[in-house]
Amino acid sequence: MLGHILSMRFADDVASRARARELAVSLVNRARAQIGAGDPVKAEQDALQASNLDPSYGRAKTVLAEAYQKQGRTKEAEALLVSPPSALGTLPALGKILTSASWRALAAYALLAVLFFVLLTVHRRLALDALYGRQPVLGDPELREVLRYTSGYGVGSFPARVRPEKVEDAAWAMKIASTQEWLAFIKQAFGKQALNEDGKLLLFSWGNMPKQGKGGTDPSAWMGMLAFVPKNVNPAVLMQLLPERAAFGRLKRLGHSARSWLQKHFGLGSAAGGLLPLALYVQGTVADEQRLPQQLTFARLALLLVVAIAAAISYGIYVALISLHDFRRHPAMAELSDPSGRFIVALEKDLKEEMHELKPRVLDDGKTIITMNWFIHLPGNFSFFSRLFQPLLMITNLVGIGSSVPGAQGGDIKPPSWGGLLQRCFQVIGLLPSWLHLLRRSLPGAVQAIG
């Protein structure tokens, strides 16, 4: 019987506290509206009433202090807002959230560091060439190494210089006269754009080609590679210069369809010899000691980007580690902090609310927390990448939007003028500060608190 009475009293107490909080919130909202309307005296009365109804409601004190400041009562406002020094000493609820966010950030940055190290290792030779300003000429042994993904030349195409020992017309040397067959290979190896350039396929080779097309008695005695020379490079002149000079362009590993074509029509070799599954898109010829400033500049800019990414990942790991050691050093604390500490104290009170009706609601596996006065969001690790290219998407959409032509039938759209395009681009540029702020708050481990 006593237990039933106590439970009834507890339920009544919870209900009364909920009603008091609801009325206090209503009074505070009215007080804020009165401050905005320029009547701080009435706002003070409502805020005092709300504070008396629910002393634990921190926002009532905040609005009351604002009403004091509007009336010039600065000392009273400061006395009301100053929190005791121990209030910021222990923040178990907020500390738990920030520590969890720091662990998530450390895991995300550690994964990025591993991926970055793997990519840098795969492209290490290209990175070192850019660092030291080298533009080496690839010959027989280097091209054999390119076939291995662990050689340091990357996994895709890359700028290269190649100097063969012998240059021949590929159609004549490989005894494949069908133009349609060659067009199919060019499309598979170099894309549709190469078909419109009306170029010529050459066969770069080292050593003596075996008499038998497929295989031969000693496949390691010969090595070949196909090269596409556009018409504007002048294939005839290039064939005369190549023995003394090197061809430069983009060297790429052939895809599955192009490799199958070579295997079917000629036979595909490997690092041991034969026709390599590589292709060079020739852009011109160059002497051994001659440098290509444009190519070197691009490579060094890419290297600077790599250094910037490495620095950003290292800084992210450092911030995550110091936040784990002391959650007060988490970047989110800088946004919540103020000299009085009232925002942090109010947030901590809401997070520690014990009443069932006012308890914080945790959604989306802890990534979203809704309290009586605060909305806390922990962005996912992919939010940063989804927002990274927003300005580019905005410019693309703005450029693609035209204006309707007055009196036109069928909803004809007039392309935007140059002036309109510039105006729209300036609009996007004006949004860049907000985008940067949103991007910073979307980093791994970020915590967004809106009150």
Protein backbone atom coordinates (compact mmCIF):
# COMPACT_ATOMS: atom_id res chain seq x y z
CA MET A 1 0.00 0.00 0.00
CA LEU A 2 2.84 2.36 0.92
CA GLY A 3 4.65 1.55 -2.32
CA HIS A 4 1.53 2.32 -4.34
CA ILE A 5 1.15 5.67 -2.60
CA LEU A 6 4.79 6.55 -3.20
CA SER A 7 4.55 5.62 -6.89
CA MET A 8 1.44 7.78 -7.27
CA ARG A 9 3.19 10.71 -5.62
CA PHE A 10 6.22 10.24 -7.92
CA ALA A 11 3.99 10.19 -10.96
CA ASP A 12 2.24 13.36 -9.83
CA ASP A 13 5.58 15.04 -9.22
CA VAL A 14 6.83 14.11 -12.69
CA ALA A 15 3.63 15.41 -14.27
CA SER A 16 3.82 18.69 -12.36
CA ARG A 17 7.45 19.22 -13.35
CA ALA A 18 6.57 18.57 -16.96
CA ARG A 19 3.75 21.10 -16.82
CA ALA A 20 6.04 23.62 -15.14
CA ARG A 21 8.69 23.16 -17.81
CA GLU A 22 6.11 23.49 -20.59
CA LEU A 23 4.76 26.74 -19.10
CA ALA A 24 8.31 28.04 -18.54
CA VAL A 25 9.19 27.39 -22.17
CA SER A 26 6.08 29.27 -23.27
CA LEU A 27 6.95 32.23 -21.06
CA VAL A 28 10.55 32.32 -22.28
CA ASN A 29 9.44 32.30 -25.91
CA ARG A 30 7.10 35.21 -25.17
CA ALA A 31 9.90 37.03 -23.38
CA ARG A 32 12.20 36.64 -26.35
CA ALA A 33 9.49 38.00 -28.63
CA GLN A 34 9.07 41.00 -26.34
CA ILE A 35 12.81 41.67 -26.40
CA GLY A 36 12.68 41.62 -30.17
CA ALA A 37 9.74 44.06 -30.06
CA GLY A 38 11.73 46.44 -27.83
CA ASP A 39 9.94 45.87 -24.50
CA PRO A 40 12.59 44.48 -22.09
CA VAL A 41 10.52 45.30 -18.97
CA LYS A 42 7.71 42.88 -19.85
CA ALA A 43 10.33 40.39 -21.04
CA GLU A 44 11.97 40.61 -17.60
CA GLN A 45 8.68 39.81 -15.88
CA ASP A 46 8.00 36.75 -18.04
CA ALA A 47 11.59 35.49 -17.69
CA LEU A 48 11.45 35.86 -13.88
CA GLN A 49 8.17 33.98 -13.77
CA ALA A 50 9.61 31.20 -15.94
CA SER A 51 12.71 30.98 -13.73
CA ASN A 52 10.56 30.70 -10.60
CA LEU A 53 8.37 28.01 -12.17
CA ASP A 54 11.35 25.88 -13.21
CA PRO A 55 14.66 26.89 -11.55
CA SER A 56 16.55 24.22 -13.53
CA TYR A 57 15.55 25.77 -16.86
CA GLY A 58 18.77 27.56 -17.84
CA ARG A 59 17.32 29.36 -20.83
CA ALA A 60 15.06 31.40 -18.56
CA LYS A 61 18.12 32.87 -16.85
CA THR A 62 19.74 33.55 -20.21
CA VAL A 63 16.72 35.50 -21.47
CA LEU A 64 16.44 37.32 -18.14
CA ALA A 65 20.08 38.39 -18.40
CA GLU A 66 19.44 39.62 -21.93
CA ALA A 67 16.49 41.66 -20.66
CA TYR A 68 18.75 43.18 -17.98
CA GLN A 69 21.33 44.11 -20.59
CA LYS A 70 18.71 45.79 -22.74
CA GLN A 71 17.83 47.96 -19.72
CA GLY A 72 21.47 48.82 -19.04
CA ARG A 73 21.68 46.68 -15.88
CA THR A 74 24.97 45.06 -16.90
CA LYS A 75 26.17 44.02 -13.45
CA GLU A 76 22.93 42.17 -12.70
CA ALA A 77 23.16 40.38 -16.04
CA GLU A 78 26.77 39.32 -15.43
CA ALA A 79 25.96 38.12 -11.91
CA LEU A 80 23.09 36.06 -13.25
CA LEU A 81 25.13 34.43 -16.01
CA VAL A 82 28.38 33.70 -14.21
CA SER A 83 28.52 30.02 -13.34
CA PRO A 84 30.50 28.65 -10.41
CA PRO A 85 34.00 27.47 -11.40
CA SER A 86 33.15 23.87 -10.60
CA ALA A 87 30.23 23.88 -13.05
CA LEU A 88 32.55 23.38 -16.01
CA GLY A 89 34.77 20.93 -14.17
CA THR A 90 32.56 17.88 -14.52
CA LEU A 91 30.41 17.48 -17.61
CA PRO A 92 29.79 13.73 -17.76
CA ALA A 93 26.98 13.74 -20.33
CA LEU A 94 28.60 16.20 -22.73
CA GLY A 95 32.02 14.63 -22.16
CA LYS A 96 30.65 11.23 -23.12
CA ILE A 97 29.32 12.61 -26.42
CA LEU A 98 32.55 14.42 -27.28
CA THR A 99 34.69 11.42 -26.35
CA SER A 100 32.57 9.17 -28.57
CA ALA A 101 32.95 11.66 -31.41
CA SER A 102 36.72 11.74 -30.88
CA TRP A 103 36.94 7.93 -31.12
CA ARG A 104 34.97 8.05 -34.37
CA ALA A 105 37.26 10.75 -35.71
CA LEU A 106 40.38 8.79 -34.77
CA ALA A 107 39.06 5.67 -36.51
CA ALA A 108 38.14 7.63 -39.65
CA TYR A 109 41.47 9.45 -39.87
CA ALA A 110 43.41 6.26 -39.18
CA LEU A 111 41.61 4.57 -42.07
CA LEU A 112 42.32 7.56 -44.32
CA ALA A 113 45.98 7.45 -43.27
CA VAL A 114 46.26 3.78 -44.22
CA LEU A 115 44.60 4.38 -47.60
CA PHE A 116 46.78 7.43 -48.21
CA PHE A 117 49.95 5.46 -47.38
CA VAL A 118 48.93 2.64 -49.74
CA LEU A 119 48.23 5.09 -52.61
CA LEU A 120 51.47 6.95 -51.98
CA THR A 121 53.40 3.67 -51.99
CA VAL A 122 51.80 2.62 -55.27
CA HIS A 123 52.72 6.00 -56.84
CA ARG A 124 56.04 6.47 -55.04
CA ARG A 125 58.22 6.59 -58.17
CA LEU A 126 56.06 9.28 -59.77
CA ALA A 127 56.13 11.26 -56.51
CA LEU A 128 59.92 11.07 -56.25
CA ASP A 129 60.32 12.11 -59.89
CA ALA A 130 58.14 15.17 -59.23
CA LEU A 131 60.06 15.99 -56.04
CA TYR A 132 63.50 15.87 -57.67
CA GLY A 133 62.36 17.25 -61.03
CA ARG A 134 63.23 14.10 -62.93
CA GLN A 135 61.69 13.15 -66.27
CA PRO A 136 63.36 9.82 -67.04
CA VAL A 137 63.22 8.06 -70.39
CA LEU A 138 61.69 4.59 -70.16
CA GLY A 139 63.32 1.78 -72.04
CA ASP A 140 63.16 -2.01 -72.14
CA PRO A 141 63.75 -2.76 -68.40
CA GLU A 142 61.56 0.10 -67.11
CA LEU A 143 58.59 -0.88 -69.27
CA ARG A 144 58.80 -4.43 -67.96
CA GLU A 145 58.55 -3.02 -64.43
CA VAL A 146 55.54 -0.87 -65.32
CA LEU A 147 53.48 -4.04 -65.70
CA ARG A 148 53.82 -4.66 -61.95
CA TYR A 149 51.49 -2.54 -59.83
CA THR A 150 54.09 -2.61 -57.04
CA SER A 151 56.72 -0.91 -59.22
CA GLY A 152 55.70 2.58 -58.08
CA TYR A 153 54.23 3.83 -61.37
CA GLY A 154 50.64 3.88 -60.11
CA VAL A 155 47.55 2.02 -61.23
CA GLY A 156 46.38 4.27 -64.09
CA SER A 157 47.90 6.27 -66.90
CA PHE A 158 50.83 8.62 -66.26
CA PRO A 159 53.05 10.98 -68.31
CA ALA A 160 56.10 9.18 -69.65
CA ARG A 161 58.96 9.35 -72.13
CA VAL A 162 59.64 6.26 -74.23
CA ARG A 163 62.51 5.76 -76.69
CA PRO A 164 62.21 2.56 -78.73
CA GLU A 165 64.99 0.89 -80.65
CA LYS A 166 62.78 0.43 -83.68
CA VAL A 167 59.57 2.08 -84.96
CA GLU A 168 57.26 0.49 -87.52
CA ASP A 169 53.78 0.86 -88.91
CA ALA A 170 51.72 -1.43 -86.67
CA ALA A 171 49.43 -2.62 -89.48
CA TRP A 172 52.38 -3.70 -91.62
CA ALA A 173 54.51 -5.16 -88.82
CA MET A 174 51.67 -7.13 -87.23
CA LYS A 175 50.14 -8.09 -90.60
CA ILE A 176 46.66 -6.86 -89.69
CA ALA A 177 45.32 -4.95 -92.67
CA SER A 178 41.67 -4.55 -91.64
CA THR A 179 40.91 -0.90 -90.90
CA GLN A 180 37.81 -1.80 -88.90
CA GLU A 181 39.86 -4.05 -86.65
CA TRP A 182 42.32 -1.25 -85.89
CA LEU A 183 39.51 1.24 -85.26
CA ALA A 184 38.00 -1.19 -82.77
CA PHE A 185 41.31 -1.44 -80.92
CA ILE A 186 41.87 2.34 -80.91
CA LYS A 187 38.43 2.85 -79.41
CA GLN A 188 39.01 0.20 -76.74
CA ALA A 189 42.50 1.42 -75.86
CA PHE A 190 42.29 5.22 -76.17
CA GLY A 191 38.57 6.06 -76.15
CA LYS A 192 36.18 7.55 -78.69
CA GLN A 193 38.08 10.84 -78.89
CA ALA A 194 41.05 9.15 -80.54
CA LEU A 195 38.79 7.91 -83.36
CA ASN A 196 38.09 11.52 -84.40
CA GLU A 197 41.75 12.50 -84.50
CA ASP A 198 42.58 10.43 -87.58
CA GLY A 199 45.91 9.24 -86.27
CA LYS A 200 48.18 6.29 -86.86
CA LEU A 201 49.19 3.28 -84.80
CA LEU A 202 52.90 2.59 -84.52
CA LEU A 203 54.74 -0.39 -83.10
CA PHE A 204 57.60 0.46 -80.75
CA SER A 205 59.96 -2.50 -80.31
CA TRP A 206 63.19 -3.57 -78.68
CA GLY A 207 65.20 -6.50 -80.01
CA ASN A 208 64.34 -8.73 -82.98
CA MET A 209 60.75 -9.79 -83.53
CA PRO A 210 60.26 -13.58 -83.75
CA LYS A 211 59.30 -14.84 -87.19
CA GLN A 212 56.21 -16.53 -85.84
CA GLY A 213 53.55 -14.06 -84.79
CA LYS A 214 52.32 -15.87 -81.71
CA GLY A 215 55.04 -16.73 -79.31
CA GLY A 216 58.26 -17.57 -81.11
CA THR A 217 61.17 -19.64 -80.01
CA ASP A 218 62.55 -17.05 -77.59
CA PRO A 219 59.86 -14.55 -76.52
CA SER A 220 62.25 -12.71 -74.19
CA ALA A 221 64.44 -11.66 -77.14
CA TRP A 222 61.83 -9.15 -78.34
CA MET A 223 59.51 -6.68 -76.67
CA GLY A 224 56.94 -4.45 -78.33
CA MET A 225 54.34 -1.82 -77.46
CA LEU A 226 51.67 -0.02 -79.47
CA ALA A 227 51.59 3.78 -79.70
CA PHE A 228 48.90 6.04 -81.13
CA VAL A 229 50.11 9.19 -82.91
CA PRO A 230 47.44 11.81 -83.72
CA LYS A 231 47.54 13.47 -87.13
CA ASN A 232 48.52 16.87 -85.71
CA VAL A 233 51.75 15.34 -84.33
CA ASN A 234 52.73 14.25 -87.89
CA PRO A 235 53.42 10.48 -87.64
CA ALA A 236 55.76 10.46 -90.67
CA VAL A 237 58.15 13.02 -89.17
CA LEU A 238 57.92 11.37 -85.75
CA MET A 239 59.05 8.02 -87.17
CA GLN A 240 62.21 9.67 -88.49
CA LEU A 241 63.03 11.43 -85.21
CA LEU A 242 62.35 8.63 -82.75
CA PRO A 243 65.55 6.63 -82.96
CA GLU A 244 67.50 9.69 -81.77
CA ARG A 245 64.79 11.27 -79.64
CA ALA A 246 62.15 10.01 -77.21
CA ALA A 247 58.39 10.10 -77.63
CA PHE A 248 56.46 11.67 -74.78
CA GLY A 249 52.78 11.29 -73.91
CA ARG A 250 50.55 9.30 -71.55
CA LEU A 251 51.36 5.68 -70.95
CA LYS A 252 48.48 3.48 -69.87
CA ARG A 253 47.82 -0.12 -69.04
CA LEU A 254 45.33 -1.66 -71.45
CA GLY A 255 41.93 -2.73 -70.22
CA HIS A 256 40.37 -6.14 -70.53
CA SER A 257 38.75 -5.59 -73.95
CA ALA A 258 41.93 -4.19 -75.55
CA ARG A 259 44.05 -6.98 -74.06
CA SER A 260 41.62 -9.57 -75.43
CA TRP A 261 41.87 -7.97 -78.87
CA LEU A 262 45.67 -8.18 -78.84
CA GLN A 263 45.59 -11.76 -77.61
CA LYS A 264 43.23 -12.72 -80.41
CA HIS A 265 45.05 -10.99 -83.29
CA PHE A 266 48.69 -11.17 -82.36
CA GLY A 267 49.34 -12.74 -79.01
CA LEU A 268 49.88 -10.96 -75.73
CA GLY A 269 53.22 -10.93 -73.97
CA SER A 270 54.28 -10.26 -70.39
CA ALA A 271 57.22 -8.84 -68.48
CA ALA A 272 59.28 -11.73 -69.86
CA GLY A 273 58.83 -10.43 -73.42
CA GLY A 274 56.44 -10.17 -76.34
CA LEU A 275 53.82 -7.52 -77.04
CA LEU A 276 53.24 -5.71 -73.76
CA PRO A 277 49.70 -4.83 -72.63
CA LEU A 278 50.68 -1.15 -72.64
CA ALA A 279 49.84 1.72 -74.98
CA LEU A 280 51.29 5.20 -75.40
CA TYR A 281 49.26 8.19 -76.52
CA VAL A 282 52.01 10.22 -78.20
CA GLN A 283 52.02 14.01 -77.83
CA GLY A 284 55.39 14.72 -79.45
CA THR A 285 59.12 14.05 -79.28
CA VAL A 286 61.74 15.36 -76.91
CA ALA A 287 65.49 15.08 -76.38
CA ASP A 288 66.83 13.15 -73.39
CA GLU A 289 67.98 16.23 -71.43
CA GLN A 290 65.14 18.49 -72.53
CA ARG A 291 62.61 19.29 -69.84
CA LEU A 292 58.89 19.80 -70.26
CA PRO A 293 58.06 22.66 -67.85
CA GLN A 294 54.30 22.26 -68.14
CA GLN A 295 54.44 18.56 -67.31
CA LEU A 296 56.82 19.15 -64.40
CA THR A 297 54.69 22.01 -63.03
CA PHE A 298 51.57 19.85 -63.06
CA ALA A 299 53.42 17.03 -61.30
CA ARG A 300 54.69 19.33 -58.57
CA LEU A 301 51.26 20.87 -58.04
CA ALA A 302 49.90 17.36 -57.59
CA LEU A 303 52.72 16.70 -55.11
CA LEU A 304 51.76 19.84 -53.15
CA LEU A 305 48.18 18.59 -53.01
CA VAL A 306 49.46 15.27 -51.65
CA VAL A 307 51.45 17.10 -48.95
CA ALA A 308 48.37 19.18 -48.02
CA ILE A 309 46.23 16.05 -47.69
CA ALA A 310 48.88 14.37 -45.55
CA ALA A 311 49.05 17.45 -43.29
CA ALA A 312 45.25 17.55 -42.95
CA ILE A 313 45.08 13.87 -41.99
CA SER A 314 47.92 14.28 -39.48
CA TYR A 315 46.24 17.31 -37.91
CA GLY A 316 42.93 15.41 -37.69
CA ILE A 317 44.64 12.56 -35.84
CA TYR A 318 46.34 15.04 -33.50
CA VAL A 319 43.06 16.81 -32.66
CA ALA A 320 41.31 13.46 -32.08
CA LEU A 321 44.08 12.32 -29.69
CA ILE A 322 44.11 15.51 -27.61
CA SER A 323 40.29 15.44 -27.48
CA LEU A 324 40.41 11.89 -26.15
CA HIS A 325 42.87 13.00 -23.47
CA ASP A 326 40.73 16.02 -22.52
CA PHE A 327 37.30 16.42 -24.09
CA ARG A 328 37.36 20.17 -23.26
CA ARG A 329 39.87 20.57 -26.12
CA HIS A 330 37.39 19.21 -28.65
CA PRO A 331 36.70 21.80 -31.41
CA ALA A 332 33.00 21.78 -30.56
CA MET A 333 33.78 23.26 -27.13
CA ALA A 334 35.06 26.43 -28.81
CA GLU A 335 31.65 27.01 -30.39
CA LEU A 336 29.77 26.34 -27.15
CA SER A 337 32.11 28.21 -24.82
CA ASP A 338 31.53 31.75 -23.60
CA PRO A 339 33.03 33.64 -20.65
CA SER A 340 30.18 32.67 -18.32
CA GLY A 341 29.90 29.07 -19.50
CA ARG A 342 26.12 29.30 -19.52
CA PHE A 343 25.61 27.49 -22.81
CA ILE A 344 27.64 24.47 -21.74
CA VAL A 345 25.95 24.31 -18.35
CA ALA A 346 22.50 24.56 -19.95
CA LEU A 347 23.34 21.82 -22.44
CA GLU A 348 24.67 19.56 -19.68
CA LYS A 349 21.47 20.06 -17.68
CA ASP A 350 19.32 19.10 -20.64
CA LEU A 351 21.42 16.02 -21.32
CA LYS A 352 21.13 14.90 -17.68
CA GLU A 353 17.35 15.46 -17.51
CA GLU A 354 15.80 12.52 -15.62
CA MET A 355 12.12 13.18 -16.19
CA HIS A 356 10.67 10.66 -18.60
CA GLU A 357 8.84 13.28 -20.66
CA LEU A 358 11.90 15.54 -20.88
CA LYS A 359 14.64 12.96 -21.31
CA PRO A 360 16.85 13.41 -24.38
CA ARG A 361 15.83 11.35 -27.38
CA VAL A 362 18.65 9.46 -29.06
CA LEU A 363 18.14 8.68 -32.75
CA ASP A 364 20.13 7.25 -35.66
CA ASP A 365 22.43 5.08 -33.52
CA GLY A 366 23.47 7.99 -31.33
CA LYS A 367 24.22 10.40 -34.19
CA THR A 368 21.24 12.61 -33.36
CA ILE A 369 20.26 13.72 -29.85
CA ILE A 370 17.23 15.92 -29.21
CA THR A 371 16.74 17.55 -25.81
CA MET A 372 14.20 20.05 -24.59
CA ASN A 373 16.23 23.00 -25.87
CA TRP A 374 19.05 21.56 -27.95
CA PHE A 375 19.53 19.64 -31.16
CA ILE A 376 22.84 17.75 -31.28
CA HIS A 377 24.04 16.11 -34.48
CA LEU A 378 27.15 14.03 -35.07
CA PRO A 379 27.70 13.99 -38.86
CA GLY A 380 28.61 10.69 -40.45
CA ASN A 381 32.10 10.20 -41.85
CA PHE A 382 30.80 10.53 -45.42
CA SER A 383 29.01 13.85 -44.83
CA PHE A 384 32.25 15.74 -45.48
CA PHE A 385 32.76 14.15 -48.90
CA SER A 386 29.10 14.62 -49.89
CA ARG A 387 29.37 18.35 -49.12
CA LEU A 388 32.87 18.84 -50.56
CA PHE A 389 31.71 19.27 -54.16
CA GLN A 390 28.57 21.30 -53.45
CA PRO A 391 29.91 24.55 -55.03
CA LEU A 392 30.79 22.71 -58.23
CA LEU A 393 27.32 21.16 -58.36
CA MET A 394 25.76 24.55 -57.70
CA ILE A 395 27.71 26.17 -60.56
CA THR A 396 26.79 23.28 -62.87
CA ASN A 397 23.12 23.65 -62.03
CA LEU A 398 23.18 27.43 -62.39
CA VAL A 399 24.92 27.29 -65.76
CA GLY A 400 22.44 24.72 -67.03
CA ILE A 401 19.37 26.76 -66.02
CA GLY A 402 18.09 29.02 -68.75
CA SER A 403 15.21 31.46 -68.86
CA SER A 404 11.91 31.00 -70.62
CA VAL A 405 11.37 32.97 -73.80
CA PRO A 406 8.32 35.25 -73.56
CA GLY A 407 5.66 34.28 -76.05
CA ALA A 408 7.48 31.09 -77.07
CA GLN A 409 5.46 27.96 -77.56
CA GLY A 410 6.26 24.59 -76.11
CA GLY A 411 8.15 25.99 -73.12
CA ASP A 412 11.29 26.98 -75.09
CA ILE A 413 14.24 27.81 -72.87
CA LYS A 414 16.73 30.53 -73.76
CA PRO A 415 20.34 29.79 -72.79
CA PRO A 416 21.67 32.18 -70.12
CA SER A 417 23.73 35.14 -71.29
CA TRP A 418 27.35 35.72 -70.28
CA GLY A 419 26.25 38.43 -67.88
CA GLY A 420 23.73 36.08 -66.31
CA LEU A 421 26.36 33.37 -65.97
CA LEU A 422 28.77 35.75 -64.24
CA GLN A 423 26.03 36.94 -61.90
CA ARG A 424 25.17 33.37 -60.96
CA CYS A 425 28.83 32.50 -60.41
CA PHE A 426 29.21 35.51 -58.09
CA GLN A 427 26.17 34.28 -56.19
CA VAL A 428 27.90 30.95 -55.65
CA ILE A 429 31.13 32.72 -54.60
CA GLY A 430 29.10 34.67 -52.02
CA LEU A 431 27.97 31.40 -50.49
CA LEU A 432 31.52 30.04 -50.13
CA PRO A 433 32.06 31.28 -46.51
CA SER A 434 28.90 29.48 -45.39
CA TRP A 435 29.99 26.40 -47.32
CA LEU A 436 33.43 26.42 -45.68
CA HIS A 437 31.82 26.73 -42.25
CA LEU A 438 29.48 23.83 -43.03
CA LEU A 439 32.40 21.81 -44.40
CA ARG A 440 34.42 22.37 -41.22
CA ARG A 441 31.48 21.22 -39.12
CA SER A 442 31.17 18.07 -41.26
CA LEU A 443 34.68 16.76 -40.57
CA PRO A 444 34.99 13.33 -38.93
CA GLY A 445 34.30 13.66 -35.22
CA ALA A 446 32.53 17.03 -35.51
CA VAL A 447 29.62 17.81 -33.16
CA GLN A 448 26.93 20.28 -34.12
CA ALA A 449 24.88 21.70 -31.24
CA ILE A 450 22.00 24.03 -32.05
CA GLY A 451 20.11 25.63 -29.17
